Structure formats: structure tokens, C-alpha cells
Amino acid sequence: MTGFVLGAIALTVLTLAFLLPPLWRDARPLAIALALLVPAAGVGLYLGYGTPAALQPHAQIAPSLEEAIDRLAAHLADNPGDQQGWALLGRSRKAQERFAEAREAFARAHALAPDDADLMVEYAEAMTLASTTRMIDGEALALLERALAADPQQQRALWFLGIHHVQHGRPVEAAETWERLLPLVSGQTRPVLIAQINEVRQQAGLPAIEDAAPAAVLTVTVDLDPALRGHLRPGDTLYVMARQTDGANMPLAVKRLPATGFPLQVSLGDDDSPMPTLKLSDQATVRLIARVSHSGDAAARPGDLESAPLDVTLAEGTSHTLRIERVVE
């Protein structure tokens, strides 16, 4: 099939919209709410289309995001049955704050995939952003309800449905809706979600809910070889990380601390995961490493100090020791 080749996501944004002020105080922050609970995507967009030649290394790459989006729109004019293309155009127009065009693009995508719960939510959001009132009502509300009927754990649908209840002065229903999100989230999202829930519970005259801190899965003692103390610099950052051992080497838990006070003890648990879908507690084995970063970045750079990686089996115990004893070359 002729079509276009989408090149890759150039940047993954891990920011969550729960870190915004409460959304119902101002309709504008609703524009960012798509980011909540799930990793946001797609800042780099490479397009080639028409023939398999687009797969070749010399294929022309769109020189700017704006031009790439325009090329995508031109492609869709010739290929109106490309559902994924319409969805991508909708996300792109939304990022440009061209909300009416985003709504129309999502309408085309939804017509081609009417049972896709994720698309229902994106279409509902675009409808709301394109409206003059920014109220979640009518067809947008119906789409959210359909999405939740298809997938009761659709997180953005639950969030937007809660906003609908707040907009209509129903804090009890908003709290109940958002409380359904609690089993689905972890990490930094969870305590901020609880704060949002407690705000509407307070409006409803209900007592606040509390959330016990999850138990640490691992306790790591980090020490520094005395021979390397002279390498420490003011403002250095200590990273203690647990990664997968299956070759993917994905981070499961990360703690970022000032590189002072050695030896020190660090707890790692599911709340330290940068990706809620990857939980430390779900692993049988993990790879631990500690690194002192001079730049503040988690990625190793020449001159940083680090420990040897240590593979541990979680079932064997929860306490381990890492000794920082080498300089990254």
C-alpha cells in the first residue's frame, strides 16, 4: 500500500498534567491535559511517502515540524482512508493550538476507527478545546462515556469525566470518578492525584483520603572509595538506579540525590519508576548501579564516578551495597 513512513518519536515527554494547577479553575490548562498519566509523544516527525523509496537512507526529511505537518495534511488529501495519519494530524494541530482543525482531523480518524477508545477520548478533547465554552458536554461527553464502556480503565477518559463533573458543580461525582484512577497510577502522579481528589472532597464536605507510602522494594547502601573523594565537585548529583537485566536495560527505578554524606542509604520502590508501566516489584532480577554526575544528567559522561553494576535477585533480600570506585572514561 502506498502511504507515508513516519520516522520516530524524537523526544519522549514524561511530564504529567496532574502537575498543573487544578484544571477547572481556568479552561486554558485543559489544552495540556492529554499529557496526563501516559507518556506524551511525538515532537520529531519525519515523512516520506508515495513509494518504497521513502525507506531509503537518502530519502528527503522535512526540514521543519511545520512543513512536516503540512506535508502530512497534503498526503491525507490524497489518501483520506489513512486513519493513523488523521490521528497524527489531529495531535499535531492540537499542539499548534489549531483546535478546530484538530477536531476535524480526529473526526476523520474516528469515522475510520469508531471503536477505538483512545481515539474517542482524543476526539472528545479536541471538541472541547474547539468549543467557545470549553465545557465537556454533548457529543464530547457521550464519547467519553463510550470510551469507558469499551475500556473502564481508560485513564484520560476518567480524568476528563471528572472535569465534566466539576464544571457542573458535582464534586462528589468528580471525587468518585478520580478515585477510580488510584489503582491505575503510581510514581509522582499518585500523590498529586490524591491532592486533586481531596480538593473536590473538601468542596463536597467529605473527609480527605490518605495514601500510605508504598514499601520500598530495595534498600541500597552507597559508599564512595576514599581514593575518589578528591574527584567530587560542589553541586555533584548522585543517581542510584535499578534497570532491567534482559538486554533492554530500561530504568525501573531512579533516585536523584546530592552527592554528599557517603555512605548513605537509599530506598527504591515502585514510586521511583520513571515509567508507571514498568514496576520494580514486578521484576525477578534487576541491575543496580550508582553514579556521581558532574553535569547533573543521568547519562554517564567522561569524568563521572560510578560503581560496578550489580545484578540482584529480589527474592534473595532487599538490602544491597554499591561502592563507587571508578571514573567513567
Protein backbone atom coordinates (compact mmCIF):
# COMPACT_ATOMS: atom_id res chain seq x y z
CA MET A 1 0.00 0.00 0.00
CA THR A 2 1.33 3.43 -0.87
CA GLY A 3 1.44 5.78 2.04
CA PHE A 4 3.89 7.54 4.20
CA VAL A 5 6.58 6.47 6.58
CA LEU A 6 6.53 8.05 9.97
CA GLY A 7 10.01 8.19 11.29
CA ALA A 8 10.23 8.09 15.04
CA ILE A 9 9.39 9.98 18.11
CA ALA A 10 12.37 12.25 18.68
CA LEU A 11 11.59 13.11 22.23
CA THR A 12 9.54 11.46 24.97
CA VAL A 13 7.90 13.84 27.35
CA LEU A 14 7.31 12.33 30.78
CA THR A 15 5.60 15.38 32.27
CA LEU A 16 2.12 14.74 33.64
CA ALA A 17 -0.72 17.21 33.50
CA PHE A 18 -1.52 16.45 37.13
CA LEU A 19 1.38 18.75 37.97
CA LEU A 20 -0.69 21.65 36.67
CA PRO A 21 -2.95 23.67 38.97
CA PRO A 22 -6.50 22.30 39.21
CA LEU A 23 -7.83 22.37 35.70
CA TRP A 24 -11.28 23.62 36.45
CA ARG A 25 -10.02 26.99 37.73
CA ASP A 26 -9.19 28.03 34.18
CA ALA A 27 -10.35 26.43 30.96
CA ARG A 28 -6.97 27.01 29.25
CA PRO A 29 -4.98 24.31 31.06
CA LEU A 30 -7.35 21.75 29.59
CA ALA A 31 -5.27 22.06 26.43
CA ILE A 32 -2.44 20.25 28.16
CA ALA A 33 -4.47 17.58 29.91
CA LEU A 34 -3.86 14.97 27.24
CA ALA A 35 -0.39 14.56 28.70
CA LEU A 36 -1.65 13.21 32.00
CA LEU A 37 -0.94 9.65 33.07
CA VAL A 38 0.58 8.49 29.91
CA PRO A 39 3.80 9.32 28.26
CA ALA A 40 3.20 12.09 25.68
CA ALA A 41 4.65 11.60 22.28
CA GLY A 42 5.95 12.92 19.09
CA VAL A 43 7.98 16.05 18.71
CA GLY A 44 10.08 14.87 15.78
CA LEU A 45 8.20 13.97 12.64
CA TYR A 46 9.84 12.60 9.53
CA LEU A 47 7.76 11.99 6.46
CA GLY A 48 8.35 10.23 3.20
CA TYR A 49 5.56 8.99 1.04
CA GLY A 50 4.41 7.60 -2.27
CA THR A 51 6.84 4.72 -2.94
CA PRO A 52 9.11 2.31 -1.08
CA ALA A 53 11.92 4.75 -1.90
CA ALA A 54 10.84 6.58 1.23
CA LEU A 55 12.55 3.85 3.21
CA GLN A 56 15.95 4.62 1.73
CA PRO A 57 18.53 6.49 3.82
CA HIS A 58 18.74 9.29 1.26
CA ALA A 59 15.00 9.99 1.43
CA GLN A 60 14.32 13.67 2.00
CA ILE A 61 13.46 14.63 5.56
CA ALA A 62 11.12 17.52 6.21
CA PRO A 63 13.31 20.40 7.39
CA SER A 64 10.84 21.66 9.99
CA LEU A 65 7.97 20.41 12.08
CA GLU A 66 5.65 22.94 10.47
CA GLU A 67 6.49 21.72 6.98
CA ALA A 68 6.20 18.10 8.08
CA ILE A 69 2.66 18.73 9.32
CA ASP A 70 1.76 20.48 6.07
CA ARG A 71 3.13 17.53 4.11
CA LEU A 72 1.09 15.18 6.25
CA ALA A 73 -2.05 17.21 5.51
CA ALA A 74 -1.26 17.09 1.79
CA HIS A 75 -0.75 13.34 1.99
CA LEU A 76 -4.14 12.91 3.66
CA ALA A 77 -5.85 14.92 0.93
CA ASP A 78 -4.72 12.21 -1.48
CA ASN A 79 -5.16 9.32 0.99
CA PRO A 80 -8.31 10.03 3.00
CA GLY A 81 -8.51 6.45 4.28
CA ASP A 82 -5.32 6.72 6.34
CA GLN A 83 -6.72 6.54 9.87
CA GLN A 84 -3.37 6.77 11.65
CA GLY A 85 -2.44 9.77 9.55
CA TRP A 86 -5.63 11.61 10.53
CA ALA A 87 -5.00 10.87 14.20
CA LEU A 88 -1.44 12.17 13.92
CA LEU A 89 -2.65 15.29 12.14
CA GLY A 90 -5.17 15.86 14.94
CA ARG A 91 -2.44 15.64 17.58
CA SER A 92 -0.23 17.95 15.55
CA ARG A 93 -2.95 20.57 15.06
CA LYS A 94 -3.77 20.38 18.75
CA ALA A 95 -0.10 21.02 19.61
CA GLN A 96 -0.29 24.07 17.31
CA GLU A 97 -3.45 25.17 19.17
CA ARG A 98 -5.40 24.99 15.91
CA PHE A 99 -8.20 23.27 17.74
CA ALA A 100 -10.95 23.41 15.11
CA GLU A 101 -8.63 21.70 12.63
CA ALA A 102 -7.66 19.17 15.29
CA ARG A 103 -11.33 18.41 15.86
CA GLU A 104 -11.92 17.83 12.16
CA ALA A 105 -8.87 15.57 11.86
CA PHE A 106 -9.95 13.48 14.84
CA ALA A 107 -13.46 13.30 13.37
CA ARG A 108 -11.98 11.71 10.23
CA ALA A 109 -9.85 9.30 12.29
CA HIS A 110 -12.81 8.36 14.49
CA ALA A 111 -15.00 7.70 11.45
CA LEU A 112 -12.39 5.22 10.20
CA ALA A 113 -11.96 3.54 13.62
CA PRO A 114 -15.21 4.11 15.52
CA ASP A 115 -14.48 1.51 18.21
CA ASP A 116 -11.04 2.84 19.21
CA ALA A 117 -11.45 4.03 22.83
CA ASP A 118 -8.26 6.09 22.80
CA LEU A 119 -9.41 7.93 19.69
CA MET A 120 -12.79 8.61 21.28
CA VAL A 121 -11.04 10.41 24.13
CA GLU A 122 -8.78 12.42 21.82
CA TYR A 123 -11.77 13.40 19.68
CA ALA A 124 -13.73 14.44 22.78
CA GLU A 125 -10.82 16.53 23.98
CA ALA A 126 -10.46 18.24 20.60
CA MET A 127 -14.20 19.01 20.55
CA THR A 128 -13.92 20.62 23.96
CA LEU A 129 -10.87 22.68 23.04
CA ALA A 130 -12.54 23.87 19.85
CA SER A 131 -15.70 24.98 21.64
CA THR A 132 -16.18 28.53 22.89
CA THR A 133 -17.14 27.41 26.40
CA ARG A 134 -14.54 24.66 26.90
CA MET A 135 -17.29 22.67 28.62
CA ILE A 136 -17.21 18.87 28.34
CA ASP A 137 -20.79 18.27 27.22
CA GLY A 138 -22.93 16.82 24.48
CA GLU A 139 -21.12 14.69 21.95
CA ALA A 140 -17.80 15.03 23.78
CA LEU A 141 -19.34 13.63 26.96
CA ALA A 142 -21.00 10.83 25.00
CA LEU A 143 -17.64 9.88 23.50
CA LEU A 144 -16.04 9.72 26.94
CA GLU A 145 -18.84 7.51 28.21
CA ARG A 146 -18.47 5.23 25.18
CA ALA A 147 -14.73 5.04 25.72
CA LEU A 148 -15.22 3.99 29.33
CA ALA A 149 -17.82 1.42 28.32
CA ALA A 150 -15.22 -0.08 25.98
CA ASP A 151 -12.34 0.31 28.44
CA PRO A 152 -13.32 1.07 32.06
CA GLN A 153 -9.66 1.80 32.85
CA GLN A 154 -9.16 4.42 30.14
CA GLN A 155 -7.28 6.89 32.27
CA ARG A 156 -7.74 10.10 30.28
CA ALA A 157 -11.45 9.39 29.91
CA LEU A 158 -11.76 9.12 33.70
CA TRP A 159 -9.83 12.34 34.17
CA PHE A 160 -11.93 14.30 31.67
CA LEU A 161 -15.17 12.85 33.05
CA GLY A 162 -14.12 14.11 36.47
CA ILE A 163 -13.55 17.57 34.98
CA HIS A 164 -17.06 17.40 33.49
CA HIS A 165 -18.49 16.77 36.97
CA VAL A 166 -16.51 19.67 38.46
CA GLN A 167 -17.63 22.00 35.67
CA HIS A 168 -21.23 21.18 36.58
CA GLY A 169 -20.80 21.60 40.33
CA ARG A 170 -20.76 17.90 41.23
CA PRO A 171 -17.67 17.47 43.44
CA VAL A 172 -18.88 14.16 44.90
CA GLU A 173 -19.13 12.59 41.45
CA ALA A 174 -15.78 14.12 40.48
CA ALA A 175 -14.10 12.58 43.52
CA GLU A 176 -15.67 9.19 42.87
CA THR A 177 -14.56 9.28 39.24
CA TRP A 178 -10.98 10.27 40.03
CA GLU A 179 -10.76 7.70 42.83
CA ARG A 180 -11.19 5.08 40.12
CA LEU A 181 -7.83 6.26 38.79
CA LEU A 182 -5.95 5.48 42.00
CA PRO A 183 -5.33 1.77 41.32
CA LEU A 184 -4.07 2.68 37.84
CA VAL A 185 -1.36 5.19 38.71
CA SER A 186 1.90 5.22 40.61
CA GLY A 187 5.03 7.29 40.94
CA GLN A 188 4.76 11.06 41.28
CA THR A 189 1.29 11.04 39.74
CA ARG A 190 -0.35 9.32 42.69
CA PRO A 191 0.19 11.89 45.47
CA VAL A 192 -0.78 14.76 43.18
CA LEU A 193 -3.91 12.91 42.09
CA ILE A 194 -4.81 12.42 45.75
CA ALA A 195 -4.39 16.16 46.31
CA GLN A 196 -6.82 16.83 43.43
CA ILE A 197 -9.28 14.33 44.83
CA ASN A 198 -9.07 15.86 48.29
CA GLU A 199 -9.72 19.31 46.87
CA VAL A 200 -13.06 18.25 45.43
CA ARG A 201 -13.83 16.17 48.52
CA GLN A 202 -13.33 19.30 50.60
CA GLN A 203 -15.75 21.17 48.33
CA ALA A 204 -18.26 18.36 48.92
CA GLY A 205 -17.77 18.45 52.69
CA LEU A 206 -16.16 14.99 52.69
CA PRO A 207 -13.10 13.96 54.71
CA ALA A 208 -9.76 13.78 52.96
CA ILE A 209 -8.36 10.43 51.93
CA GLU A 210 -4.86 9.34 52.81
CA ASP A 211 -2.43 7.17 50.91
CA ALA A 212 0.10 5.09 52.76
CA ALA A 213 3.55 5.26 51.25
CA PRO A 214 4.37 2.01 49.44
CA ALA A 215 7.03 -0.15 51.00
CA ALA A 216 10.48 0.01 49.47
CA VAL A 217 11.36 -2.95 47.29
CA LEU A 218 15.12 -2.43 47.64
CA THR A 219 17.38 -0.71 50.13
CA VAL A 220 20.79 0.23 48.73
CA THR A 221 23.77 1.45 50.72
CA VAL A 222 26.01 3.62 48.52
CA ASP A 223 29.62 4.23 49.52
CA LEU A 224 32.44 6.12 47.83
CA ASP A 225 36.00 4.85 47.54
CA PRO A 226 38.15 7.24 49.63
CA ALA A 227 40.59 7.45 46.72
CA LEU A 228 37.88 9.20 44.68
CA ARG A 229 36.81 11.79 47.23
CA GLY A 230 39.10 14.32 45.59
CA HIS A 231 37.08 13.93 42.37
CA LEU A 232 33.89 15.24 43.96
CA ARG A 233 32.81 18.73 42.96
CA PRO A 234 30.32 21.12 44.55
CA GLY A 235 26.85 20.50 43.15
CA ASP A 236 27.53 16.93 42.01
CA THR A 237 24.46 14.70 41.70
CA LEU A 238 24.15 11.09 42.82
CA TYR A 239 21.95 8.75 40.79
CA VAL A 240 21.01 5.34 42.16
CA MET A 241 19.28 3.23 39.52
CA ALA A 242 17.69 -0.16 39.09
CA ARG A 243 17.49 -1.36 35.49
CA GLN A 244 16.18 -4.36 33.62
CA THR A 245 18.60 -7.21 33.06
CA ASP A 246 17.01 -8.62 29.90
CA GLY A 247 19.05 -6.57 27.46
CA ALA A 248 16.58 -3.70 27.16
CA ASN A 249 18.33 -2.04 30.12
CA MET A 250 15.27 0.09 30.76
CA PRO A 251 15.21 2.08 34.03
CA LEU A 252 12.86 0.62 36.62
CA ALA A 253 13.59 2.99 39.49
CA VAL A 254 15.77 6.08 39.84
CA LYS A 255 16.70 8.21 42.84
CA ARG A 256 18.45 11.59 42.37
CA LEU A 257 20.25 12.98 45.41
CA PRO A 258 23.06 15.38 46.30
CA ALA A 259 26.39 13.55 46.15
CA THR A 260 27.26 14.15 49.81
CA GLY A 261 27.27 12.26 53.10
CA PHE A 262 28.75 8.95 51.99
CA PRO A 263 27.97 6.25 52.92
CA LEU A 264 24.25 6.80 52.56
CA GLN A 265 21.19 4.58 52.35
CA VAL A 266 18.68 4.82 49.51
CA SER A 267 15.30 3.13 49.18
CA LEU A 268 13.99 2.18 45.75
CA GLY A 269 10.37 1.28 45.10
CA ASP A 270 7.61 1.46 42.52
CA ASP A 271 7.10 5.18 43.20
CA ASP A 272 10.61 5.80 41.87
CA SER A 273 9.79 4.44 38.42
CA PRO A 274 10.03 6.98 35.57
CA MET A 275 7.57 4.80 33.63
CA PRO A 276 4.47 3.63 35.53
CA THR A 277 4.11 0.62 33.22
CA LEU A 278 7.48 -0.74 34.38
CA LYS A 279 7.37 -1.59 38.07
CA LEU A 280 10.32 -2.65 40.17
CA SER A 281 8.14 -5.01 42.19
CA ASP A 282 7.22 -6.96 39.05
CA GLN A 283 10.83 -7.97 38.35
CA ALA A 284 12.63 -11.14 39.40
CA THR A 285 16.10 -9.65 38.92
CA VAL A 286 17.39 -6.12 38.46
CA ARG A 287 20.73 -4.43 37.78
CA LEU A 288 21.79 -1.79 40.30
CA ILE A 289 24.27 0.99 39.63
CA ALA A 290 25.25 4.21 41.40
CA ARG A 291 26.77 7.16 39.59
CA VAL A 292 28.03 10.59 40.58
CA SER A 293 27.27 13.01 37.75
CA HIS A 294 29.22 16.24 37.41
CA SER A 295 26.78 17.60 34.81
CA GLY A 296 23.57 16.66 36.61
CA ASP A 297 22.49 14.35 33.77
CA ALA A 298 21.65 10.71 34.41
CA ALA A 299 23.61 9.57 31.34
CA ALA A 300 27.23 8.67 32.05
CA ARG A 301 29.84 11.13 30.82
CA PRO A 302 33.64 11.03 30.92
CA GLY A 303 34.88 12.05 34.35
CA ASP A 304 31.75 10.88 36.20
CA LEU A 305 32.20 8.41 39.04
CA GLU A 306 30.30 5.14 39.19
CA SER A 307 30.01 1.73 40.77
CA ALA A 308 30.24 -1.58 39.01
CA PRO A 309 26.77 -2.84 38.04
CA LEU A 310 25.31 -5.35 40.47
CA ASP A 311 22.68 -7.88 39.40
CA VAL A 312 20.44 -8.90 42.28
CA THR A 313 17.52 -11.25 42.71
CA LEU A 314 14.71 -9.55 44.58
CA ALA A 315 13.66 -12.77 46.28
CA GLU A 316 17.06 -13.10 47.92
CA GLY A 317 16.67 -9.99 50.06
CA THR A 318 16.11 -6.27 49.88
CA SER A 319 19.40 -4.78 51.14
CA HIS A 320 22.46 -4.34 48.91
CA THR A 321 25.66 -2.30 48.79
CA LEU A 322 27.17 -0.36 45.88
CA ARG A 323 30.67 1.09 46.05
CA ILE A 324 31.57 3.93 43.70
CA GLU A 325 35.14 3.12 42.77
CA ARG A 326 35.84 4.03 39.15
CA VAL A 327 35.98 7.04 36.86
CA VAL A 328 33.99 6.93 33.63
CA GLU A 329 36.31 7.17 30.62
